[in-house]
Amino acid sequence: MRIALRPLLRYQLVVDLVAAGLFGLLSFVIELEPGDVVGNLGALVVVVLFSAAFAFRRLQPGVALALAWVAAVVQMALLRSPTTTDFAVFVVLYAVAAYGSRRAYWAGFISTFVGAATVTGYLIVRGGQEIFHPENVLAVLAVLLTSGFAFLLSWGSGALVRTTRRAAENAAAQRAAEEATIAEQERVRIARDMHDVVAHSLAVVIAQADGARYAAGQNPAAAADALATISSTARAALSDVRLLLQQLRHSQADGPQPTLADIETLAAQMRAAGVDLETTVDPAPPADPPAAVQLALYRILQEALTNALRHGADPRVTVRFAWHPDRVEMTVRNRRAVGIAASAGGHGIIGMRERAQLAGGTLSAQPEADAFVVRATLPVGAPAPGKESTP
């Protein structure tokens, strides 16, 4: 059977071995009786066993406990009196409770009671007294309680250290899990932003490039305008991508994020790409909504318009904002091309739904008759009493 050793640092192993050697040397000097060869030989055996238990107390607590029991049995078999060497028992009980395996831990607990009973019986019998004699009851109880308390105190101290160490390890593992979760959420957010930026920009660039190719021969001015739009869109996309990459390298703070004021720029880009965009706001917003809501609305609208540009049957797209005291509702509607079905597993729809959920709202994206409709409802907070605005 292979005995598993606890991993110890080099200096810990050296300290344990040196301490055990010094303990054994000092104990043997104390127990040495000049001229008593047999007695000194027995003392040497007991000291060596207790010193070995002392040395193994952290490296293999279970082995240390077994060696301590063997040493105690040898000591009683040789009818030796308790000495300072027996203090190794307390060290071993502490180590078994603090560092031992589950089996060694409970073996140490049981050893405290068995050891107290064994010590009591040995001392009473060795003293030539009867354990069950009425006159010895108080003495037996005194020895039993004293030894049991001493053993339990050593074991209990180790158990307290074990509990404290386990609590610290669990706290560290929980912190690591929380940090990993936060990092994963941040990676997902950046990936979502990257998808929104790149997908939208490339859709505009492709549409403009196709238009410029067809107009190059007949309308050079239109081709020049398309190339200018491609250039500005690509530059804006490159700037956004650089910002996202910077956030990947540095996790201090988020960079500037789009707001409702940027929707006009987004609409201009889509119109330049060929989208016939109609926007209505009814009712109007009573006040500036939270930044998270503004970002979610912008990104959802950006993705919905990009999908309309790529998959729409005609360029007409209607966008409606309805601002209420506690929520905002946004609807994006366009005709979908025949034969193109909406896929709930696409990254774009998943990203829009995640945007809405992160802002505390809901989103649906599904075909309705010959149109594809995206509906988002986001909370903006209830107005303060007495300050409700009218549209």
Protein backbone atom coordinates (compact mmCIF):
# COMPACT_ATOMS: atom_id res chain seq x y z
CA MET A 1 0.00 0.00 0.00
CA ARG A 2 1.42 3.34 -1.06
CA ILE A 3 1.40 6.09 1.58
CA ALA A 4 0.60 9.55 0.22
CA LEU A 5 2.80 12.28 1.65
CA ARG A 6 1.58 15.83 2.11
CA PRO A 7 3.45 18.37 -0.05
CA LEU A 8 5.75 20.43 2.14
CA LEU A 9 8.15 23.17 1.28
CA ARG A 10 11.82 22.37 1.66
CA TYR A 11 12.26 24.61 4.68
CA GLN A 12 9.20 23.04 6.38
CA LEU A 13 10.63 19.56 5.93
CA VAL A 14 14.02 20.68 7.26
CA VAL A 15 12.41 22.38 10.27
CA ASP A 16 10.37 19.28 11.12
CA LEU A 17 13.36 16.95 10.89
CA VAL A 18 15.63 19.23 12.90
CA ALA A 19 12.94 19.79 15.55
CA ALA A 20 12.33 16.04 15.80
CA GLY A 21 16.05 15.36 16.13
CA LEU A 22 16.47 17.97 18.88
CA PHE A 23 13.35 16.67 20.65
CA GLY A 24 14.68 13.11 20.56
CA LEU A 25 18.14 14.09 21.75
CA LEU A 26 16.81 16.17 24.64
CA SER A 27 14.32 13.47 25.66
CA PHE A 28 16.95 10.75 25.69
CA VAL A 29 19.26 12.89 27.80
CA ILE A 30 16.45 13.45 30.30
CA GLU A 31 15.53 9.75 30.45
CA LEU A 32 19.14 8.47 30.50
CA GLU A 33 19.96 6.50 33.65
CA PRO A 34 23.73 5.89 34.10
CA GLY A 35 24.49 2.20 34.60
CA ASP A 36 20.99 0.97 33.65
CA VAL A 37 21.70 -0.58 30.25
CA VAL A 38 18.36 -2.35 29.86
CA GLY A 39 16.41 0.70 30.99
CA ASN A 40 18.38 2.99 28.67
CA LEU A 41 17.78 0.63 25.75
CA GLY A 42 14.03 0.72 26.41
CA ALA A 43 14.16 4.50 26.73
CA LEU A 44 16.01 4.72 23.41
CA VAL A 45 13.29 2.66 21.65
CA VAL A 46 10.49 4.81 23.09
CA VAL A 47 12.29 8.07 22.29
CA VAL A 48 13.03 6.99 18.71
CA LEU A 49 9.38 6.06 18.12
CA PHE A 50 8.03 9.31 19.58
CA SER A 51 10.64 11.33 17.67
CA ALA A 52 9.64 9.60 14.43
CA ALA A 53 6.00 10.47 15.16
CA PHE A 54 7.10 14.04 15.81
CA ALA A 55 8.96 14.16 12.48
CA PHE A 56 6.02 12.75 10.47
CA ARG A 57 3.35 14.93 12.10
CA ARG A 58 2.91 17.23 9.04
CA LEU A 59 4.36 15.03 6.31
CA GLN A 60 1.99 12.09 7.02
CA PRO A 61 -0.23 12.71 10.07
CA GLY A 62 -1.82 9.26 9.87
CA VAL A 63 1.59 7.56 10.10
CA ALA A 64 2.54 9.90 12.95
CA LEU A 65 -0.56 8.86 14.91
CA ALA A 66 0.20 5.17 14.36
CA LEU A 67 3.83 5.65 15.51
CA ALA A 68 2.62 7.51 18.62
CA TRP A 69 0.34 4.60 19.51
CA VAL A 70 3.15 2.09 18.95
CA ALA A 71 5.45 4.18 21.15
CA ALA A 72 2.79 4.35 23.89
CA VAL A 73 2.20 0.59 23.76
CA VAL A 74 5.97 -0.11 23.96
CA GLN A 75 6.27 2.32 26.87
CA MET A 76 3.48 0.57 28.77
CA ALA A 77 4.85 -2.88 27.89
CA LEU A 78 8.19 -1.88 29.41
CA LEU A 79 6.33 -0.49 32.46
CA ARG A 80 8.01 2.86 32.03
CA SER A 81 6.73 5.91 33.85
CA PRO A 82 5.30 8.89 31.90
CA THR A 83 8.03 11.39 31.03
CA THR A 84 8.49 14.59 29.00
CA THR A 85 8.82 12.39 25.90
CA ASP A 86 5.06 11.83 26.07
CA PHE A 87 4.45 15.47 25.13
CA ALA A 88 4.93 14.32 21.54
CA VAL A 89 1.42 12.84 21.78
CA PHE A 90 -0.11 16.33 22.07
CA VAL A 91 1.84 17.57 19.06
CA VAL A 92 0.73 14.57 16.99
CA LEU A 93 -2.95 14.98 17.97
CA TYR A 94 -2.81 18.64 16.96
CA ALA A 95 -1.20 17.81 13.61
CA VAL A 96 -3.65 14.99 12.85
CA ALA A 97 -6.61 17.33 13.39
CA ALA A 98 -5.03 20.22 11.47
CA TYR A 99 -3.41 18.45 8.50
CA GLY A 100 -4.60 14.84 8.43
CA SER A 101 -6.94 13.19 5.98
CA ARG A 102 -10.57 12.71 6.90
CA ARG A 103 -9.81 9.20 8.17
CA ALA A 104 -6.82 10.38 10.20
CA TYR A 105 -8.86 13.31 11.51
CA TRP A 106 -11.52 11.07 13.03
CA ALA A 107 -8.93 8.50 14.14
CA GLY A 108 -7.30 11.29 16.16
CA PHE A 109 -10.66 12.23 17.67
CA ILE A 110 -11.31 8.64 18.76
CA SER A 111 -7.74 8.39 20.05
CA THR A 112 -8.38 11.20 22.52
CA PHE A 113 -10.99 9.10 24.37
CA VAL A 114 -9.24 5.75 23.97
CA GLY A 115 -5.94 7.34 24.98
CA ALA A 116 -7.44 8.97 28.08
CA ALA A 117 -8.97 5.66 29.19
CA THR A 118 -5.71 3.79 28.46
CA VAL A 119 -3.58 6.29 30.38
CA THR A 120 -5.96 6.22 33.34
CA GLY A 121 -6.03 2.43 33.51
CA TYR A 122 -2.25 2.15 33.10
CA LEU A 123 -1.46 4.65 35.84
CA ILE A 124 -3.91 3.12 38.31
CA VAL A 125 -2.80 -0.47 37.64
CA ARG A 126 0.90 0.46 37.63
CA GLY A 127 0.40 2.09 41.00
CA GLY A 128 -0.83 -1.21 42.39
CA GLN A 129 -4.44 -0.06 42.83
CA GLU A 130 -7.73 -1.52 41.68
CA ILE A 131 -9.54 0.56 39.08
CA PHE A 132 -13.03 -0.40 40.25
CA HIS A 133 -12.34 -0.13 44.00
CA PRO A 134 -14.75 2.35 45.62
CA GLU A 135 -11.92 4.26 47.25
CA ASN A 136 -10.23 4.85 43.85
CA VAL A 137 -13.26 6.23 42.02
CA LEU A 138 -12.34 9.88 42.57
CA ALA A 139 -8.72 9.30 41.57
CA VAL A 140 -9.77 7.46 38.42
CA LEU A 141 -12.20 10.21 37.45
CA ALA A 142 -9.59 12.91 38.11
CA VAL A 143 -6.97 11.21 35.94
CA LEU A 144 -9.53 10.39 33.23
CA LEU A 145 -10.87 13.94 33.04
CA THR A 146 -7.44 15.55 33.15
CA SER A 147 -5.92 13.38 30.43
CA GLY A 148 -9.07 13.53 28.32
CA PHE A 149 -9.19 17.32 28.55
CA ALA A 150 -5.52 17.61 27.61
CA PHE A 151 -5.92 15.30 24.61
CA LEU A 152 -9.13 16.99 23.45
CA LEU A 153 -7.55 20.43 23.82
CA SER A 154 -4.69 19.44 21.51
CA TRP A 155 -6.99 17.82 18.98
CA GLY A 156 -9.51 20.67 19.16
CA SER A 157 -6.80 23.28 18.54
CA GLY A 158 -5.79 21.45 15.39
CA ALA A 159 -9.44 21.14 14.30
CA LEU A 160 -9.87 24.91 14.71
CA VAL A 161 -6.80 25.54 12.55
CA ARG A 162 -8.15 23.08 9.98
CA THR A 163 -11.51 24.87 9.86
CA THR A 164 -9.86 28.28 9.54
CA ARG A 165 -7.62 27.08 6.72
CA ARG A 166 -10.54 25.46 4.88
CA ALA A 167 -12.56 28.68 5.22
CA ALA A 168 -9.67 30.69 3.77
CA GLU A 169 -9.28 28.23 0.88
CA ASN A 170 -13.02 28.34 0.15
CA ALA A 171 -12.99 32.14 0.22
CA ALA A 172 -10.02 32.22 -2.16
CA ALA A 173 -11.75 29.74 -4.50
CA GLN A 174 -14.93 31.82 -4.41
CA ARG A 175 -12.99 35.00 -5.22
CA ALA A 176 -11.25 33.23 -8.10
CA ALA A 177 -14.60 31.98 -9.44
CA GLU A 178 -16.11 35.46 -9.17
CA GLU A 179 -13.14 37.00 -10.96
CA ALA A 180 -13.38 34.37 -13.71
CA THR A 181 -17.11 35.08 -14.08
CA ILE A 182 -16.50 38.83 -14.30
CA ALA A 183 -13.75 38.29 -16.86
CA GLU A 184 -16.01 36.03 -18.92
CA GLN A 185 -18.81 38.58 -18.81
CA GLU A 186 -16.39 41.27 -19.93
CA ARG A 187 -15.17 39.12 -22.82
CA VAL A 188 -18.76 38.46 -23.88
CA ARG A 189 -19.56 42.18 -23.72
CA ILE A 190 -16.53 43.10 -25.81
CA ALA A 191 -17.30 40.31 -28.31
CA ARG A 192 -20.85 41.62 -28.56
CA ASP A 193 -19.60 45.16 -29.17
CA MET A 194 -17.11 43.89 -31.74
CA HIS A 195 -19.85 42.04 -33.60
CA ASP A 196 -22.11 45.09 -33.61
CA VAL A 197 -19.37 47.41 -34.87
CA VAL A 198 -17.88 45.11 -37.51
CA ALA A 199 -21.16 43.68 -38.84
CA HIS A 200 -22.77 47.10 -39.20
CA SER A 201 -19.73 48.76 -40.74
CA LEU A 202 -19.07 45.96 -43.21
CA ALA A 203 -22.73 45.90 -44.28
CA VAL A 204 -22.59 49.63 -45.02
CA VAL A 205 -19.24 49.31 -46.80
CA ILE A 206 -20.48 46.41 -48.96
CA ALA A 207 -23.66 48.24 -49.91
CA GLN A 208 -21.75 51.39 -50.80
CA ALA A 209 -19.12 49.46 -52.73
CA ASP A 210 -21.78 47.71 -54.80
CA GLY A 211 -23.45 51.03 -55.52
CA ALA A 212 -20.19 52.67 -56.47
CA ARG A 213 -19.34 49.82 -58.83
CA TYR A 214 -22.62 50.14 -60.70
CA ALA A 215 -22.49 53.96 -60.78
CA ALA A 216 -18.81 54.28 -61.69
CA GLY A 217 -19.43 54.36 -65.43
CA GLN A 218 -22.65 56.41 -65.56
CA ASN A 219 -22.56 58.65 -62.48
CA PRO A 220 -19.02 59.38 -61.27
CA ALA A 221 -20.33 61.85 -58.66
CA ALA A 222 -22.47 59.15 -57.02
CA ALA A 223 -19.49 56.80 -57.07
CA ALA A 224 -17.36 59.46 -55.39
CA ASP A 225 -20.03 59.98 -52.71
CA ALA A 226 -20.18 56.23 -52.11
CA LEU A 227 -16.41 56.02 -51.75
CA ALA A 228 -16.49 58.92 -49.29
CA THR A 229 -19.12 57.09 -47.22
CA ILE A 230 -17.02 53.92 -47.35
CA SER A 231 -14.00 55.86 -46.14
CA SER A 232 -15.80 57.56 -43.24
CA THR A 233 -17.54 54.33 -42.18
CA ALA A 234 -14.30 52.34 -42.27
CA ARG A 235 -12.49 54.99 -40.25
CA ALA A 236 -15.23 55.05 -37.63
CA ALA A 237 -15.22 51.25 -37.46
CA LEU A 238 -11.44 51.18 -37.13
CA SER A 239 -11.63 53.68 -34.29
CA ASP A 240 -14.26 51.57 -32.49
CA VAL A 241 -12.26 48.38 -32.98
CA ARG A 242 -9.13 50.04 -31.61
CA LEU A 243 -11.12 51.16 -28.58
CA LEU A 244 -12.40 47.64 -27.99
CA LEU A 245 -8.91 46.19 -28.34
CA GLN A 246 -7.65 48.74 -25.84
CA GLN A 247 -10.31 47.56 -23.40
CA LEU A 248 -9.04 44.00 -23.89
CA ARG A 249 -5.55 45.11 -22.89
CA HIS A 250 -6.63 47.40 -20.04
CA SER A 251 -9.52 46.61 -17.75
CA GLN A 252 -9.69 49.92 -15.84
CA ALA A 253 -12.70 51.66 -17.37
CA ASP A 254 -14.95 51.47 -20.36
CA GLY A 255 -14.36 53.85 -23.23
CA PRO A 256 -16.98 56.23 -24.64
CA GLN A 257 -20.19 54.45 -25.59
CA PRO A 258 -22.88 55.49 -28.11
CA THR A 259 -25.90 57.44 -26.84
CA LEU A 260 -29.23 58.53 -28.31
CA ALA A 261 -27.48 61.56 -29.79
CA ASP A 262 -25.52 59.19 -32.07
CA ILE A 263 -28.66 57.67 -33.58
CA GLU A 264 -28.84 60.52 -36.10
CA THR A 265 -25.34 59.64 -37.31
CA LEU A 266 -26.33 55.97 -37.51
CA ALA A 267 -29.45 56.87 -39.51
CA ALA A 268 -27.39 59.01 -41.89
CA GLN A 269 -25.01 56.12 -42.50
CA MET A 270 -27.86 53.73 -43.24
CA ARG A 271 -29.57 56.20 -45.58
CA ALA A 272 -26.26 56.69 -47.38
CA ALA A 273 -26.07 52.90 -47.74
CA GLY A 274 -29.46 52.88 -49.48
CA VAL A 275 -31.89 52.31 -46.61
CA ASP A 276 -35.14 54.29 -46.86
CA LEU A 277 -35.44 54.98 -43.14
CA GLU A 278 -38.53 56.46 -41.53
CA THR A 279 -38.32 57.29 -37.82
CA THR A 280 -41.13 58.41 -35.54
CA VAL A 281 -41.08 59.26 -31.84
CA ASP A 282 -44.46 59.12 -30.08
CA PRO A 283 -44.58 60.05 -27.30
CA ALA A 284 -41.34 61.94 -26.78
CA PRO A 285 -38.91 61.10 -23.96
CA PRO A 286 -39.78 62.96 -20.72
CA ALA A 287 -36.10 63.17 -19.69
CA ASP A 288 -32.66 61.73 -20.44
CA PRO A 289 -32.85 57.96 -19.94
CA PRO A 290 -30.07 56.01 -18.16
CA ALA A 291 -26.83 55.52 -20.08
CA ALA A 292 -27.34 51.72 -20.12
CA VAL A 293 -30.72 52.17 -21.82
CA GLN A 294 -29.27 54.56 -24.40
CA LEU A 295 -26.46 52.14 -25.23
CA ALA A 296 -28.86 49.19 -25.49
CA LEU A 297 -31.24 51.12 -27.78
CA TYR A 298 -28.39 52.22 -30.04
CA ARG A 299 -26.88 48.75 -30.39
CA ILE A 300 -30.23 47.03 -30.92
CA LEU A 301 -31.20 49.57 -33.55
CA GLN A 302 -27.79 49.26 -35.20
CA GLU A 303 -28.10 45.47 -35.47
CA ALA A 304 -31.73 45.62 -36.63
CA LEU A 305 -30.91 48.14 -39.38
CA THR A 306 -27.88 46.08 -40.44
CA ASN A 307 -30.07 42.98 -40.76
CA ALA A 308 -32.63 44.99 -42.73
CA LEU A 309 -29.91 46.20 -45.08
CA ARG A 310 -28.56 42.69 -45.64
CA HIS A 311 -31.78 40.66 -45.77
CA GLY A 312 -34.58 43.13 -46.51
CA ALA A 313 -36.74 42.73 -49.61
CA ASP A 314 -36.84 46.49 -50.19
CA PRO A 315 -34.99 49.46 -48.65
CA ARG A 316 -37.95 50.73 -46.63
CA VAL A 317 -37.49 50.45 -42.87
CA THR A 318 -39.73 52.04 -40.22
CA VAL A 319 -38.49 52.76 -36.71
CA ARG A 320 -40.80 53.87 -33.92
CA PHE A 321 -39.88 55.03 -30.43
CA ALA A 322 -42.57 55.26 -27.76
CA TRP A 323 -41.35 56.82 -24.51
CA HIS A 324 -43.42 56.24 -21.39
CA PRO A 325 -42.74 57.30 -17.78
CA ASP A 326 -41.48 53.82 -16.83
CA ARG A 327 -40.35 52.30 -20.14
CA VAL A 328 -39.37 52.87 -23.73
CA GLU A 329 -40.63 50.76 -26.61
CA MET A 330 -38.74 50.53 -29.89
CA THR A 331 -40.10 48.81 -33.00
CA VAL A 332 -38.08 48.21 -36.19
CA ARG A 333 -40.06 46.86 -39.14
CA ASN A 334 -38.93 45.96 -42.68
CA ARG A 335 -40.03 43.65 -45.45
CA ARG A 336 -38.03 40.43 -45.46
CA ALA A 337 -36.86 38.80 -48.61
CA VAL A 338 -38.81 35.79 -49.82
CA GLY A 339 -37.15 32.51 -48.83
CA ILE A 340 -35.06 34.03 -46.03
CA ALA A 341 -36.16 32.88 -42.60
CA ALA A 342 -35.21 34.42 -39.30
CA SER A 343 -32.82 32.31 -37.31
CA ALA A 344 -33.08 32.60 -33.56
CA GLY A 345 -29.59 31.15 -33.29
CA GLY A 346 -27.88 33.95 -35.18
CA HIS A 347 -25.35 36.00 -33.29
CA GLY A 348 -27.10 39.23 -34.18
CA ILE A 349 -30.48 38.31 -32.67
CA ILE A 350 -28.78 36.72 -29.66
CA GLY A 351 -26.76 39.89 -29.17
CA MET A 352 -29.86 42.09 -29.38
CA ARG A 353 -31.67 39.93 -26.84
CA GLU A 354 -28.68 40.04 -24.49
CA ARG A 355 -28.53 43.82 -24.84
CA ALA A 356 -32.16 44.12 -23.81
CA GLN A 357 -31.80 41.68 -20.90
CA LEU A 358 -28.73 43.46 -19.55
CA ALA A 359 -30.76 46.68 -19.47
CA GLY A 360 -33.55 44.86 -17.63
CA GLY A 361 -35.89 44.65 -20.62
CA THR A 362 -37.17 42.21 -23.22
CA LEU A 363 -36.81 41.78 -26.97
CA SER A 364 -38.63 39.83 -29.65
CA ALA A 365 -37.46 39.40 -33.24
CA GLN A 366 -39.73 37.43 -35.52
CA PRO A 367 -41.54 37.50 -38.87
CA GLU A 368 -45.03 39.00 -39.05
CA ALA A 369 -46.82 38.45 -42.36
CA ASP A 370 -44.38 39.64 -45.02
CA ALA A 371 -42.34 41.77 -42.58
CA PHE A 372 -39.68 41.14 -40.00
CA VAL A 373 -40.27 43.01 -36.75
CA VAL A 374 -37.92 43.68 -33.86
CA ARG A 375 -39.59 44.90 -30.66
CA ALA A 376 -37.60 45.98 -27.63
CA THR A 377 -39.03 47.17 -24.30
CA LEU A 378 -36.58 48.64 -21.81
CA PRO A 379 -37.29 50.10 -18.35
CA VAL A 380 -36.32 53.74 -17.78
CA GLY A 381 -37.44 54.07 -14.17
CA ALA A 382 -40.62 55.49 -12.68
CA PRO A 383 -40.79 59.28 -12.29
CA ALA A 384 -40.62 60.89 -8.89
CA PRO A 385 -43.97 61.65 -7.23
CA GLY A 386 -45.42 64.95 -8.42
CA LYS A 387 -42.99 65.19 -11.35
CA GLU A 388 -44.65 62.99 -13.95
CA SER A 389 -44.22 64.49 -17.38
CA THR A 390 -46.76 64.56 -20.15
CA PRO A 391 -45.77 63.83 -23.73
